[in-house]
Amino acid sequence: MAARCAKQLSVCAGSLRFLAPKGARNNRFTSQLLVRCLSTDSDIKYDRLVVEPIKSPKPKPDVNSLVFGAEFADHMLSVEWTAENGWSEPKITPYQNLSLAPSCSTLHYALECFEGMKAFRGDDNKIRLFRPMENMRRLNRSADRACLPGFDGEEFLKCLRHLVHIEKEWVPYSNKCSLYIRPTLIGTQPTLGVNKSSSALLYVILSPVGPYFKTGTFSPVALLADPSFVRAWPGGCGDCKLGGNYGPTILAQRHAEMQGLQQVLWLFGEERQITEVGTMNIFMFWINENGEKELITPPLNGLILPGVTRKSLLELAKSWGEFKVTEREFTMDDLIRASNENRVKEIFGAGTACVVCPVNRILYEGQNILIPTMENLEVTKRFYHELTAIQYGRTPSSWTEIVD
């Protein structure tokens, strides 16, 4: 009886919304979460993990020639889900192509979400994950937004850790490289109906990577700020890591590249509110209107992806206690005014792929706004060194988990 009730609720998931408990994010939670709470479906269990080792491992690439996302480790992790039976046993198998029906819902309606994580080889030769449960929680939030099934993040993380352990030789022996981890969840129901998927696949692939930008870690980027391109809007899904958020940004990126620029500065609304830079969260270090040193970044107002690196930088800056740290909205007018008054000191993007990325120029309505980040680097460089010291184990921290 309980299983039948859960299945009926599952049919309605995505069409109903309920008030969330006080203090919950966005003060709402979906029927998909309600189904998860009431369902008797099996969840992901690490003790059911099946491992099928590869017979002929590939040679490892030269760390000096790594291109981001171009090489992949020998094994992958996958778990199938159906509305009728819940999650099946997790499997670690040789890296292989997926078998999907041409009518698969993820191919037609982008029912897909993903995460970006990294494993780091420390100077002590131990392999560490950086705040991995933050990624598990965010992947569950993204899954809920796409009406895809939720899962036990702790159990799935155990499976993921096992995968990284098996592939530990794919974690580069370098303090400038890492193993990029891409968990992905897709709807697999073979139907053209626009509805939640009755089946799904959660899988993880691994890729050894060097610096995200070919020019190197501290080479600055120039940005195109064009208000005709919008990344996210109120009531949308800009605060979730969905594949559908990224594909439409490629055209804007191409416009930037054709003008000799590297990234896009995303604006929103008539006030041209600054939201993100490329695929990164954005930070500005400046002297504010009251003459105070201040680090600011846009708030999590539904337009901004809640980045793990973003959260970590905010917590680091607050622990320093040397300047004001604020999450608040700011516009292009605010930036231009402060730049003309020489109050802008540094602007940088922050994300898993690059840690921090300095900005030295913004092209906006035919005007070049020069940012003196490279003349300062007081905050940008300190963030980079302190965060990477934690990630590679030079600084002990509860933010890292060692892979046995």
Protein backbone atom coordinates (compact mmCIF):
# COMPACT_ATOMS: atom_id res chain seq x y z
CA MET A 1 0.00 0.00 0.00
CA ALA A 2 2.78 2.43 0.96
CA ALA A 3 4.63 1.67 -2.26
CA ARG A 4 1.49 2.35 -4.34
CA CYS A 5 0.94 5.68 -2.54
CA ALA A 6 4.54 6.67 -3.15
CA LYS A 7 4.21 5.81 -6.82
CA GLN A 8 1.07 7.94 -7.15
CA LEU A 9 2.83 10.86 -5.49
CA SER A 10 5.76 10.33 -7.87
CA VAL A 11 3.43 10.83 -10.84
CA CYS A 12 2.53 14.27 -9.46
CA ALA A 13 6.10 15.29 -8.61
CA GLY A 14 7.14 18.59 -10.13
CA SER A 15 3.58 19.89 -10.37
CA LEU A 16 3.00 20.66 -6.68
CA ARG A 17 4.90 22.81 -4.19
CA PHE A 18 4.78 22.80 -0.43
CA LEU A 19 6.02 25.24 2.19
CA ALA A 20 9.37 24.18 3.56
CA PRO A 21 10.32 24.10 7.21
CA LYS A 22 11.33 27.48 8.61
CA GLY A 23 14.85 28.41 7.56
CA ALA A 24 14.94 26.05 4.57
CA ARG A 25 16.45 27.34 1.35
CA ASN A 26 14.04 29.52 -0.68
CA ASN A 27 11.33 28.62 1.88
CA ARG A 28 9.88 25.92 -0.31
CA PHE A 29 10.31 22.29 -1.09
CA THR A 30 8.94 20.27 -3.93
CA SER A 31 6.73 17.25 -4.15
CA GLN A 32 9.78 15.38 -5.41
CA LEU A 33 11.28 15.77 -1.93
CA LEU A 34 7.97 14.74 -0.37
CA VAL A 35 8.00 11.58 -2.47
CA ARG A 36 11.56 10.92 -1.31
CA CYS A 37 10.48 11.22 2.33
CA LEU A 38 7.48 8.90 1.97
CA SER A 39 8.74 6.41 -0.60
CA THR A 40 9.75 2.87 0.36
CA ASP A 41 11.99 2.66 -2.72
CA SER A 42 15.53 1.38 -2.11
CA ASP A 43 18.24 4.02 -1.89
CA ILE A 44 21.88 3.83 -2.95
CA LYS A 45 23.85 1.51 -0.66
CA TYR A 46 27.62 1.26 -0.63
CA ASP A 47 27.51 -2.32 0.64
CA ARG A 48 25.81 -3.33 -2.63
CA LEU A 49 28.68 -1.94 -4.76
CA VAL A 50 29.80 -4.23 -7.59
CA VAL A 51 33.27 -3.78 -9.12
CA GLU A 52 34.19 -4.97 -12.60
CA PRO A 53 37.91 -4.18 -13.09
CA ILE A 54 39.32 -3.29 -16.46
CA LYS A 55 41.53 -5.87 -18.13
CA SER A 56 43.94 -3.55 -19.94
CA PRO A 57 44.58 -0.20 -18.21
CA LYS A 58 45.46 2.76 -20.40
CA PRO A 59 48.81 4.57 -20.06
CA LYS A 60 48.58 7.69 -17.93
CA PRO A 61 48.98 11.02 -19.78
CA ASP A 62 51.89 13.37 -19.25
CA VAL A 63 50.87 15.92 -16.61
CA ASN A 64 52.54 18.68 -18.64
CA SER A 65 50.25 18.12 -21.60
CA LEU A 66 46.87 17.80 -19.88
CA VAL A 67 43.94 19.55 -21.55
CA PHE A 68 40.89 20.15 -19.35
CA GLY A 69 38.33 17.36 -19.78
CA ALA A 70 40.09 15.58 -22.65
CA GLU A 71 41.45 12.43 -20.96
CA PHE A 72 39.40 9.97 -18.91
CA ALA A 73 40.30 7.35 -16.34
CA ASP A 74 39.82 3.63 -16.91
CA HIS A 75 36.74 3.16 -14.72
CA MET A 76 33.40 4.84 -14.12
CA LEU A 77 30.69 4.54 -11.48
CA SER A 78 27.01 4.17 -12.37
CA VAL A 79 23.70 3.54 -10.60
CA GLU A 80 20.33 3.06 -12.33
CA TRP A 81 16.99 4.17 -10.91
CA THR A 82 13.36 3.41 -11.77
CA ALA A 83 10.22 4.78 -10.17
CA GLU A 84 9.03 1.22 -9.58
CA ASN A 85 12.14 -0.27 -7.96
CA GLY A 86 14.22 2.69 -6.77
CA TRP A 87 18.01 2.62 -6.96
CA SER A 88 19.76 -0.54 -8.16
CA GLU A 89 23.18 -1.70 -7.01
CA PRO A 90 26.01 0.76 -7.77
CA LYS A 91 28.58 -0.52 -10.25
CA ILE A 92 32.17 0.39 -11.01
CA THR A 93 32.91 -0.74 -14.57
CA PRO A 94 35.36 0.07 -17.34
CA TYR A 95 34.77 3.50 -18.87
CA GLN A 96 32.32 2.91 -21.71
CA ASN A 97 29.65 4.48 -23.89
CA LEU A 98 26.11 4.77 -22.59
CA SER A 99 23.24 2.99 -24.29
CA LEU A 100 20.27 5.38 -24.57
CA ALA A 101 17.08 5.29 -26.61
CA PRO A 102 16.82 8.03 -29.27
CA SER A 103 13.66 9.15 -27.47
CA CYS A 104 15.46 9.43 -24.12
CA SER A 105 14.10 12.40 -22.14
CA THR A 106 17.51 13.87 -21.35
CA LEU A 107 18.24 14.23 -25.08
CA HIS A 108 15.03 16.13 -25.80
CA TYR A 109 14.24 18.11 -22.67
CA ALA A 110 17.61 18.42 -20.90
CA LEU A 111 16.54 16.47 -17.81
CA GLU A 112 20.11 16.49 -16.55
CA CYS A 113 22.23 17.89 -13.75
CA PHE A 114 25.85 17.46 -12.73
CA GLU A 115 28.62 18.41 -10.34
CA GLY A 116 32.28 19.38 -10.56
CA MET A 117 34.66 18.09 -7.87
CA LYS A 118 38.36 17.35 -7.59
CA ALA A 119 40.75 14.90 -5.96
CA PHE A 120 44.22 16.23 -5.10
CA ARG A 121 47.49 14.38 -4.51
CA GLY A 122 49.24 16.06 -1.60
CA ASP A 123 52.93 16.48 -0.92
CA ASP A 124 52.53 13.56 1.49
CA ASN A 125 51.22 11.43 -1.43
CA LYS A 126 47.79 11.20 0.19
CA ILE A 127 44.74 11.81 -1.99
CA ARG A 128 42.15 14.28 -0.72
CA LEU A 129 38.64 15.31 -1.70
CA PHE A 130 37.62 18.91 -1.01
CA ARG A 131 34.30 19.39 0.84
CA PRO A 132 32.64 16.56 -1.13
CA MET A 133 29.38 16.54 0.85
CA GLU A 134 28.74 20.10 -0.35
CA ASN A 135 28.64 18.68 -3.88
CA MET A 136 26.36 15.83 -2.84
CA ARG A 137 23.90 18.27 -1.28
CA ARG A 138 23.96 20.55 -4.30
CA LEU A 139 23.49 17.65 -6.72
CA ASN A 140 20.41 16.60 -4.76
CA ARG A 141 19.04 20.15 -4.94
CA SER A 142 19.65 20.25 -8.69
CA ALA A 143 18.00 16.84 -9.09
CA ASP A 144 14.94 18.10 -7.27
CA ARG A 145 14.71 21.11 -9.60
CA ALA A 146 14.81 18.79 -12.64
CA CYS A 147 12.33 16.31 -11.08
CA LEU A 148 15.03 13.65 -11.02
CA PRO A 149 15.38 11.21 -8.11
CA GLY A 150 17.23 12.17 -4.96
CA PHE A 151 19.68 9.84 -3.25
CA ASP A 152 21.63 9.29 -0.04
CA GLY A 153 24.64 11.57 -0.53
CA GLU A 154 26.76 9.90 2.14
CA GLU A 155 26.29 6.42 0.67
CA PHE A 156 26.93 7.63 -2.87
CA LEU A 157 30.04 9.47 -1.70
CA LYS A 158 31.38 6.18 -0.29
CA CYS A 159 30.97 4.65 -3.76
CA LEU A 160 32.67 7.65 -5.34
CA ARG A 161 35.58 7.43 -2.90
CA HIS A 162 35.97 3.76 -3.83
CA LEU A 163 36.15 4.73 -7.50
CA VAL A 164 38.86 7.34 -6.78
CA HIS A 165 40.75 4.77 -4.69
CA ILE A 166 40.73 2.31 -7.60
CA GLU A 167 41.91 5.07 -9.94
CA LYS A 168 44.42 6.65 -7.54
CA GLU A 169 47.19 6.45 -10.15
CA TRP A 170 45.11 8.77 -12.32
CA VAL A 171 45.45 11.51 -9.70
CA PRO A 172 48.40 13.49 -11.11
CA TYR A 173 51.69 13.59 -9.22
CA SER A 174 51.70 17.37 -9.32
CA ASN A 175 50.66 20.28 -7.11
CA LYS A 176 49.34 22.12 -10.16
CA CYS A 177 47.14 19.33 -11.47
CA SER A 178 44.27 17.28 -10.05
CA LEU A 179 41.69 14.64 -10.89
CA TYR A 180 38.43 16.25 -11.98
CA ILE A 181 35.33 14.32 -10.87
CA ARG A 182 32.08 14.70 -12.82
CA PRO A 183 28.96 13.15 -11.20
CA THR A 184 26.05 13.35 -13.64
CA LEU A 185 22.35 12.48 -13.28
CA ILE A 186 20.16 12.10 -16.38
CA GLY A 187 16.57 11.13 -17.11
CA THR A 188 16.48 8.02 -19.29
CA GLN A 189 12.79 7.35 -19.90
CA PRO A 190 12.23 6.70 -23.65
CA THR A 191 9.36 9.12 -24.25
CA LEU A 192 8.65 12.38 -26.04
CA GLY A 193 6.12 13.42 -23.43
CA VAL A 194 7.14 16.49 -21.43
CA ASN A 195 7.05 15.02 -17.95
CA LYS A 196 9.27 13.81 -15.14
CA SER A 197 11.30 10.78 -16.06
CA SER A 198 10.33 7.38 -14.65
CA SER A 199 13.92 6.16 -14.99
CA ALA A 200 17.31 7.75 -14.47
CA LEU A 201 21.03 7.10 -14.48
CA LEU A 202 23.55 8.54 -12.03
CA TYR A 203 27.15 8.12 -13.11
CA VAL A 204 30.64 9.46 -12.40
CA ILE A 205 33.58 9.87 -14.75
CA LEU A 206 37.11 11.02 -13.88
CA SER A 207 39.48 13.23 -15.83
CA PRO A 208 43.05 14.28 -14.92
CA VAL A 209 43.35 18.03 -15.48
CA GLY A 210 45.86 20.83 -15.36
CA PRO A 211 45.05 24.58 -15.15
CA TYR A 212 41.62 25.39 -16.59
CA PHE A 213 42.91 28.26 -18.71
CA LYS A 214 45.69 27.51 -21.20
CA THR A 215 47.40 30.77 -20.27
CA GLY A 216 48.00 29.55 -16.70
CA THR A 217 46.73 30.16 -13.19
CA PHE A 218 47.39 33.87 -12.73
CA SER A 219 47.00 35.08 -16.29
CA PRO A 220 44.18 37.66 -16.22
CA VAL A 221 41.07 37.46 -18.39
CA ALA A 222 39.11 40.20 -20.12
CA LEU A 223 35.30 40.13 -20.02
CA LEU A 224 32.45 41.04 -22.33
CA ALA A 225 29.54 42.64 -20.46
CA ASP A 226 26.66 42.55 -22.93
CA PRO A 227 23.18 42.99 -21.41
CA SER A 228 21.56 41.36 -24.45
CA PHE A 229 22.71 38.00 -23.05
CA VAL A 230 21.14 36.81 -19.78
CA ARG A 231 22.23 33.69 -17.89
CA ALA A 232 19.54 33.46 -15.19
CA TRP A 233 16.35 35.17 -14.03
CA PRO A 234 14.00 35.10 -11.00
CA GLY A 235 12.00 31.88 -10.82
CA GLY A 236 14.42 30.14 -13.18
CA CYS A 237 17.10 27.57 -12.37
CA GLY A 238 20.27 29.66 -12.30
CA ASP A 239 20.93 28.49 -8.75
CA CYS A 240 21.09 24.83 -9.83
CA LYS A 241 23.82 23.05 -11.75
CA LEU A 242 21.76 21.95 -14.76
CA GLY A 243 23.24 21.23 -18.15
CA GLY A 244 20.58 23.47 -19.70
CA ASN A 245 22.16 26.47 -17.98
CA TYR A 246 25.41 26.05 -19.86
CA GLY A 247 24.65 25.23 -23.50
CA PRO A 248 22.97 28.60 -24.20
CA THR A 249 26.02 30.47 -22.88
CA ILE A 250 28.27 29.24 -25.68
CA LEU A 251 27.00 31.82 -28.18
CA ALA A 252 27.77 34.67 -25.79
CA GLN A 253 31.20 33.15 -25.19
CA ARG A 254 31.79 33.08 -28.93
CA HIS A 255 30.86 36.79 -29.17
CA ALA A 256 33.42 37.51 -26.46
CA GLU A 257 36.14 35.53 -28.21
CA MET A 258 35.49 37.29 -31.53
CA GLN A 259 36.28 40.57 -29.75
CA GLY A 260 39.50 39.27 -28.26
CA LEU A 261 37.98 38.62 -24.83
CA GLN A 262 38.11 35.43 -22.78
CA GLN A 263 34.89 35.34 -20.72
CA VAL A 264 31.40 36.81 -20.32
CA LEU A 265 30.31 39.00 -17.43
CA TRP A 266 26.66 38.09 -16.87
CA LEU A 267 24.25 40.97 -16.18
CA PHE A 268 20.59 40.98 -15.23
CA GLY A 269 17.72 43.44 -15.36
CA GLU A 270 17.37 47.10 -16.23
CA GLU A 271 19.82 48.02 -13.49
CA ARG A 272 22.34 45.62 -15.08
CA GLN A 273 23.05 43.77 -11.90
CA ILE A 274 26.33 41.85 -11.96
CA THR A 275 25.71 38.15 -11.32
CA GLU A 276 28.48 35.78 -12.48
CA VAL A 277 31.53 35.64 -14.73
CA GLY A 278 31.67 32.85 -17.29
CA THR A 279 31.00 29.65 -15.34
CA MET A 280 32.34 31.18 -12.12
CA ASN A 281 31.11 33.18 -9.17
CA ILE A 282 32.43 36.74 -9.11
CA PHE A 283 34.13 38.71 -6.33
CA MET A 284 35.21 42.35 -6.09
CA PHE A 285 37.66 43.77 -3.55
CA TRP A 286 37.28 47.53 -3.30
CA ILE A 287 37.09 50.58 -1.09
CA ASN A 288 33.37 50.98 -0.47
CA GLU A 289 31.29 54.14 -0.19
CA ASN A 290 32.26 54.49 3.48
CA GLY A 291 35.98 54.28 2.80
CA GLU A 292 36.26 50.70 4.08
CA LYS A 293 38.09 47.80 2.50
CA GLU A 294 35.39 45.35 1.47
CA LEU A 295 35.09 42.04 -0.35
CA ILE A 296 31.72 41.71 -2.06
CA THR A 297 30.00 39.01 -4.07
CA PRO A 298 26.39 38.75 -5.30
CA PRO A 299 23.96 37.13 -2.85
CA LEU A 300 22.31 33.74 -3.33
CA ASN A 301 19.07 35.25 -4.59
CA GLY A 302 18.10 32.54 -7.08
CA LEU A 303 20.27 33.94 -9.89
CA ILE A 304 23.58 32.72 -8.51
CA LEU A 305 25.02 29.22 -8.35
CA PRO A 306 25.97 28.43 -4.73
CA GLY A 307 29.57 27.54 -5.48
CA VAL A 308 31.62 25.42 -3.09
CA THR A 309 34.67 27.57 -3.80
CA ARG A 310 32.54 30.70 -3.30
CA LYS A 311 31.43 29.47 0.11
CA SER A 312 34.99 28.55 1.06
CA LEU A 313 36.42 31.94 0.08
CA LEU A 314 33.77 33.77 2.09
CA GLU A 315 34.52 31.63 5.14
CA LEU A 316 38.27 32.15 4.73
CA ALA A 317 37.90 35.93 4.38
CA LYS A 318 35.70 36.14 7.48
CA SER A 319 38.26 34.12 9.45
CA TRP A 320 40.96 36.66 8.53
CA GLY A 321 38.92 39.49 10.03
CA GLU A 322 40.94 42.10 8.13
CA PHE A 323 38.20 43.70 6.04
CA LYS A 324 34.45 43.74 5.57
CA VAL A 325 32.92 40.72 3.80
CA THR A 326 29.50 41.25 2.23
CA GLU A 327 27.08 39.37 0.01
CA ARG A 328 25.13 42.09 -1.80
CA GLU A 329 23.90 43.15 -5.19
CA PHE A 330 26.00 45.57 -7.25
CA THR A 331 25.52 46.93 -10.74
CA MET A 332 27.61 48.05 -13.69
CA ASP A 333 26.96 51.66 -12.65
CA ASP A 334 28.38 50.87 -9.20
CA LEU A 335 31.43 49.29 -10.80
CA ILE A 336 32.02 52.13 -13.28
CA ARG A 337 31.64 54.80 -10.58
CA ALA A 338 34.04 53.01 -8.24
CA SER A 339 36.50 52.39 -11.08
CA ASN A 340 36.50 56.07 -12.07
CA GLU A 341 37.22 56.95 -8.43
CA ASN A 342 40.05 54.38 -8.25
CA ARG A 343 38.27 52.42 -5.53
CA VAL A 344 38.24 49.05 -7.33
CA LYS A 345 41.30 47.04 -6.37
CA GLU A 346 40.66 43.48 -7.59
CA ILE A 347 37.99 41.52 -9.46
CA PHE A 348 38.22 37.77 -9.87
CA GLY A 349 36.14 34.73 -10.71
CA ALA A 350 36.08 31.71 -8.40
CA GLY A 351 35.20 28.09 -9.07
CA THR A 352 36.26 24.46 -8.80
CA ALA A 353 38.01 24.38 -12.16
CA CYS A 354 40.29 27.39 -11.64
CA VAL A 355 40.09 28.25 -7.89
CA VAL A 356 40.48 31.97 -8.67
CA CYS A 357 40.82 33.79 -11.98
CA PRO A 358 41.90 37.48 -12.02
CA VAL A 359 40.07 39.99 -14.26
CA ASN A 360 41.93 42.95 -15.78
CA ARG A 361 39.45 44.43 -18.27
CA ILE A 362 35.71 44.65 -18.96
CA LEU A 363 34.26 45.73 -22.31
CA TYR A 364 30.86 47.34 -21.73
CA GLU A 365 28.91 49.34 -24.32
CA GLY A 366 32.09 50.08 -26.28
CA GLN A 367 33.96 51.26 -23.19
CA ASN A 368 36.98 49.46 -21.75
CA ILE A 369 36.94 49.43 -17.95
CA LEU A 370 40.45 48.64 -16.73
CA ILE A 371 40.68 46.69 -13.48
CA PRO A 372 44.01 46.91 -11.58
CA THR A 373 43.81 43.33 -10.24
CA MET A 374 47.30 42.40 -11.41
CA GLU A 375 48.81 45.50 -9.80
CA ASN A 376 47.33 44.45 -6.44
CA LEU A 377 46.58 40.71 -6.04
CA GLU A 378 46.40 41.19 -2.28
CA VAL A 379 43.27 39.10 -1.91
CA THR A 380 43.23 37.03 -5.13
CA LYS A 381 46.67 35.53 -4.60
CA ARG A 382 46.13 34.96 -0.89
CA PHE A 383 42.91 33.08 -1.60
CA TYR A 384 44.67 30.91 -4.16
CA HIS A 385 47.59 30.01 -1.92
CA GLU A 386 45.52 29.36 1.21
CA LEU A 387 42.85 27.30 -0.54
CA THR A 388 45.29 25.18 -2.55
CA ALA A 389 47.36 24.63 0.60
CA ILE A 390 44.25 23.07 2.14
CA GLN A 391 43.37 21.06 -0.97
CA TYR A 392 46.87 19.58 -1.32
CA GLY A 393 47.20 18.90 2.41
CA ARG A 394 49.89 21.45 3.23
CA THR A 395 47.44 23.04 5.69
CA PRO A 396 45.39 20.61 7.81
CA SER A 397 41.66 21.27 7.50
CA SER A 398 38.31 19.64 8.17
CA TRP A 399 37.38 20.65 4.62
CA THR A 400 39.36 17.77 3.14
CA GLU A 401 38.69 14.02 3.29
CA ILE A 402 41.49 11.55 2.67
CA VAL A 403 40.75 8.73 0.24
CA ASP A 404 42.03 5.50 1.79
